[in-house]
Amino acid sequence: MGHRVLVVEDDEDIAFPLVRTLEREGYDVGWVDTGQQALVELGGRSAEVVILDLGLPDIDGLEVCRQARDGGYEGAIMIVSTRGGELDRVVGLDQGADDYLEKPFGLAELQARVRALLRRTGASTATPPDGLRIDGPARRVHVGEVEVALTGKEFDVLSILAANRDKVVSRGRLMADVWDENWYGSTKTLDVTIGRLRQKLEAAGAPERVVAVRGVGFRLEDQPAD
């Protein structure tokens, strides 16, 4: 059985197709429709990812998130909500969520985000034994059993690319997120960092590579088979 995902959603029209889709992907999926049931579930049979609606009938999803974290839950929490404003996202992340997805959402995007969360927590079954593993809390990277020594900036760039695997991340976003909005140096700094990161991943035998998309940004993808 695959990794356990807990869906916390009171709208059956959203919950049923979501549960079926995740089960087809090989996940062990649980579903509850109240916040209290979610807390009971997390207190007993732990899940590696929680997909948490905010508009629950008994307890607001933000309170569920806060109580789960206070109770020691260390898995990934992804909030899904019609509240898509920046303040709502910030509050959700501050309460302990790892990701925030606005409704309505595509099932393909949600699946990709679940995979990214599992990779980020080092729990993905989709990662082959010799694949890339990123331990965010410890800020360590391994390819198989080999640890890849990265600088702080290299680690941050790789983490962002891995969280958006197979998607292009713009140069502007990488510069803003890894350096900061007050950085006045040359953007060549990013190119140098990417170049070193590529060399280290290749030297470690990683099946992933960082690809440049001219004029846009960079993408982390699997190496093509020989």
Protein backbone atom coordinates (compact mmCIF):
# COMPACT_ATOMS: atom_id res chain seq x y z
CA MET A 1 0.00 0.00 0.00
CA GLY A 2 1.26 3.50 -0.83
CA HIS A 3 1.64 6.54 1.37
CA ARG A 4 -1.39 7.54 3.41
CA VAL A 5 -3.25 10.72 2.44
CA LEU A 6 -6.07 12.09 4.57
CA VAL A 7 -8.71 14.16 2.77
CA VAL A 8 -10.61 16.53 5.07
CA GLU A 9 -13.51 17.85 2.99
CA ASP A 10 -17.23 18.16 3.71
CA ASP A 11 -18.33 18.60 0.08
CA GLU A 12 -18.92 15.13 -1.36
CA ASP A 13 -18.80 16.42 -4.93
CA ILE A 14 -15.19 17.45 -4.30
CA ALA A 15 -14.18 14.65 -1.95
CA PHE A 16 -15.32 11.63 -3.99
CA PRO A 17 -13.45 12.33 -7.24
CA LEU A 18 -10.42 13.46 -5.25
CA VAL A 19 -10.33 10.24 -3.22
CA ARG A 20 -10.79 8.09 -6.34
CA THR A 21 -8.03 9.92 -8.19
CA LEU A 22 -5.56 9.55 -5.33
CA GLU A 23 -6.41 5.87 -4.89
CA ARG A 24 -5.74 5.28 -8.59
CA GLU A 25 -2.31 6.83 -8.01
CA GLY A 26 -1.63 4.14 -5.42
CA TYR A 27 -2.15 6.15 -2.22
CA ASP A 28 -3.85 4.79 0.89
CA VAL A 29 -6.59 7.41 1.18
CA GLY A 30 -8.76 8.25 4.15
CA TRP A 31 -11.65 10.71 4.08
CA VAL A 32 -13.38 12.61 6.89
CA ASP A 33 -15.82 15.50 6.63
CA THR A 34 -15.30 17.35 9.94
CA GLY A 35 -12.38 18.94 11.68
CA GLN A 36 -12.89 16.92 14.84
CA GLN A 37 -12.75 13.65 12.91
CA ALA A 38 -9.55 14.85 11.25
CA LEU A 39 -7.89 15.51 14.62
CA VAL A 40 -8.96 12.10 15.91
CA GLU A 41 -7.61 10.44 12.77
CA LEU A 42 -4.29 12.25 13.02
CA GLY A 43 -4.02 11.36 16.67
CA GLY A 44 -4.27 7.69 15.86
CA ARG A 45 -3.42 6.52 12.36
CA SER A 46 -1.03 9.11 11.04
CA ALA A 47 -1.08 10.35 7.45
CA GLU A 48 1.90 11.65 5.53
CA VAL A 49 -0.16 14.28 3.70
CA VAL A 50 -3.36 16.02 4.80
CA ILE A 51 -5.51 17.79 2.21
CA LEU A 52 -7.46 20.20 4.39
CA ASP A 53 -10.51 22.26 3.47
CA LEU A 54 -10.95 25.47 5.46
CA GLY A 55 -14.75 25.66 5.36
CA LEU A 56 -15.57 22.72 7.61
CA PRO A 57 -18.93 22.49 9.42
CA ASP A 58 -17.57 22.25 12.96
CA ILE A 59 -14.03 23.64 13.25
CA ASP A 60 -12.38 26.10 10.90
CA GLY A 61 -9.61 24.43 8.91
CA LEU A 62 -7.03 26.89 10.23
CA GLU A 63 -7.82 25.77 13.78
CA VAL A 64 -7.51 22.13 12.70
CA CYS A 65 -4.11 22.94 11.22
CA ARG A 66 -2.98 24.72 14.39
CA GLN A 67 -4.20 21.96 16.72
CA ALA A 68 -2.63 19.26 14.56
CA ARG A 69 0.75 20.99 14.72
CA ASP A 70 0.41 21.66 18.45
CA GLY A 71 -0.40 17.97 18.89
CA GLY A 72 2.85 16.96 17.23
CA TYR A 73 1.72 16.14 13.70
CA GLU A 74 4.82 16.40 11.48
CA GLY A 75 3.42 15.38 8.10
CA ALA A 76 2.61 17.72 5.24
CA ILE A 77 -0.57 19.83 5.28
CA MET A 78 -2.03 21.28 2.10
CA ILE A 79 -4.90 23.71 2.54
CA VAL A 80 -7.54 23.88 -0.20
CA SER A 81 -9.96 26.77 -0.03
CA THR A 82 -12.06 29.26 -1.97
CA ARG A 83 -10.28 31.92 0.08
CA GLY A 84 -7.53 32.72 -2.35
CA GLY A 85 -6.32 36.12 -1.17
CA GLU A 86 -2.71 36.72 -0.22
CA LEU A 87 -3.62 37.33 3.43
CA ASP A 88 -5.49 34.02 3.58
CA ARG A 89 -2.46 32.21 2.17
CA VAL A 90 -0.10 33.91 4.60
CA VAL A 91 -2.32 33.09 7.59
CA GLY A 92 -2.63 29.48 6.47
CA LEU A 93 1.11 29.06 6.11
CA ASP A 94 1.69 30.77 9.44
CA GLN A 95 -0.65 28.26 11.09
CA GLY A 96 1.57 25.41 9.93
CA ALA A 97 0.41 24.55 6.41
CA ASP A 98 3.02 23.55 3.83
CA ASP A 99 1.03 24.47 0.74
CA TYR A 100 -2.13 26.37 -0.20
CA LEU A 101 -4.29 25.61 -3.24
CA GLU A 102 -7.22 27.77 -4.26
CA LYS A 103 -10.52 26.22 -5.30
CA PRO A 104 -11.51 25.35 -7.96
CA PHE A 105 -8.38 23.38 -8.76
CA GLY A 106 -7.41 20.78 -11.34
CA LEU A 107 -6.86 17.24 -10.11
CA ALA A 108 -3.61 17.01 -12.07
CA GLU A 109 -2.22 20.05 -10.29
CA LEU A 110 -3.26 18.71 -6.89
CA GLN A 111 -1.59 15.36 -7.65
CA ALA A 112 1.60 17.17 -8.61
CA ARG A 113 1.54 19.13 -5.38
CA VAL A 114 1.03 15.98 -3.31
CA ARG A 115 4.05 14.42 -5.03
CA ALA A 116 6.06 17.59 -4.36
CA LEU A 117 5.12 17.53 -0.66
CA LEU A 118 6.15 13.89 -0.37
CA ARG A 119 9.47 14.65 -2.07
CA ARG A 120 10.00 17.62 0.23
CA THR A 121 9.45 15.46 3.31
CA GLY A 122 11.56 12.63 1.90
CA ALA A 123 8.60 10.25 1.78
CA SER A 124 7.90 9.86 -1.92
CA THR A 125 7.49 6.35 -3.27
CA ALA A 126 7.89 7.80 -6.74
CA THR A 127 11.56 8.56 -6.09
CA PRO A 128 13.75 5.66 -7.17
CA PRO A 129 16.41 4.31 -4.76
CA ASP A 130 19.14 6.24 -6.59
CA GLY A 131 17.01 9.35 -7.00
CA LEU A 132 17.23 12.75 -5.43
CA ARG A 133 16.14 13.07 -1.80
CA ILE A 134 15.85 16.46 -0.15
CA ASP A 135 15.59 16.73 3.64
CA GLY A 136 14.25 20.23 4.16
CA PRO A 137 14.48 20.46 7.98
CA ALA A 138 18.05 19.12 7.99
CA ARG A 139 18.95 20.98 4.76
CA ARG A 140 20.66 17.89 3.36
CA VAL A 141 20.52 16.35 -0.11
CA HIS A 142 21.23 12.74 -1.07
CA VAL A 143 21.43 10.87 -4.34
CA GLY A 144 20.97 7.27 -3.32
CA GLU A 145 23.32 6.83 -0.36
CA VAL A 146 25.62 9.67 -1.45
CA GLU A 147 25.24 13.04 0.25
CA VAL A 148 25.61 16.03 -2.05
CA ALA A 149 27.35 18.95 -0.34
CA LEU A 150 25.53 22.13 -1.34
CA THR A 151 25.91 25.75 -0.32
CA GLY A 152 22.91 27.49 1.24
CA LYS A 153 21.93 29.17 -2.02
CA GLU A 154 22.34 25.97 -4.03
CA PHE A 155 20.12 24.12 -1.56
CA ASP A 156 17.45 26.84 -1.71
CA VAL A 157 17.43 26.89 -5.52
CA LEU A 158 17.20 23.09 -5.69
CA SER A 159 14.39 22.98 -3.11
CA ILE A 160 12.29 25.43 -5.13
CA LEU A 161 12.92 23.58 -8.38
CA ALA A 162 12.12 20.22 -6.74
CA ALA A 163 8.87 21.58 -5.29
CA ASN A 164 7.91 22.56 -8.85
CA ARG A 165 9.34 19.50 -10.59
CA ASP A 166 8.76 19.44 -14.37
CA LYS A 167 7.55 23.05 -14.24
CA VAL A 168 9.52 26.14 -15.26
CA VAL A 169 10.44 28.43 -12.37
CA SER A 170 11.18 31.94 -13.55
CA ARG A 171 14.52 33.64 -13.00
CA GLY A 172 12.70 36.44 -11.22
CA ARG A 173 11.08 34.13 -8.71
CA LEU A 174 14.35 32.34 -7.96
CA MET A 175 16.15 35.64 -7.46
CA ALA A 176 13.37 36.98 -5.22
CA ASP A 177 12.98 33.81 -3.14
CA VAL A 178 16.61 32.77 -2.78
CA TRP A 179 18.30 36.13 -2.58
CA ASP A 180 15.74 38.85 -1.82
CA GLU A 181 13.93 41.74 -3.39
CA ASN A 182 16.66 44.12 -2.26
CA TRP A 183 19.40 42.23 -4.13
CA TYR A 184 21.12 44.64 -6.48
CA GLY A 185 23.85 42.34 -7.76
CA SER A 186 24.03 40.76 -11.19
CA THR A 187 21.56 38.02 -12.12
CA LYS A 188 24.65 36.15 -13.32
CA THR A 189 24.89 35.08 -9.68
CA LEU A 190 21.93 32.80 -10.36
CA ASP A 191 23.60 31.33 -13.44
CA VAL A 192 26.78 30.60 -11.48
CA THR A 193 24.76 28.91 -8.72
CA ILE A 194 22.81 26.83 -11.27
CA GLY A 195 26.05 25.83 -12.97
CA ARG A 196 27.59 24.57 -9.72
CA LEU A 197 24.37 22.78 -8.79
CA ARG A 198 24.30 20.99 -12.15
CA GLN A 199 27.89 19.86 -11.76
CA LYS A 200 27.29 18.49 -8.27
CA LEU A 201 24.13 16.60 -9.24
CA GLU A 202 25.85 15.13 -12.29
CA ALA A 203 28.92 14.12 -10.28
CA ALA A 204 26.68 12.35 -7.75
CA GLY A 205 24.91 10.44 -10.53
CA ALA A 206 21.50 12.04 -9.98
CA PRO A 207 18.83 10.92 -12.45
CA GLU A 208 17.54 14.50 -12.43
CA ARG A 209 18.93 17.49 -14.28
CA VAL A 210 18.39 21.25 -14.20
CA VAL A 211 17.32 22.49 -17.63
CA ALA A 212 17.44 26.12 -18.74
CA VAL A 213 14.41 27.46 -20.60
CA ARG A 214 15.83 30.34 -22.58
CA GLY A 215 14.47 33.72 -21.59
CA VAL A 216 12.21 32.26 -18.89
CA GLY A 217 13.91 30.28 -16.14
CA PHE A 218 14.83 26.74 -15.10
CA ARG A 219 13.17 23.36 -14.67
CA LEU A 220 14.12 20.21 -12.74
CA GLU A 221 13.35 17.08 -14.74
CA ASP A 222 14.40 13.44 -15.04
CA GLN A 223 17.30 12.61 -17.29
CA PRO A 224 16.17 10.95 -20.53
CA ALA A 225 16.82 7.20 -20.63
CA ASP A 226 19.88 6.09 -22.58
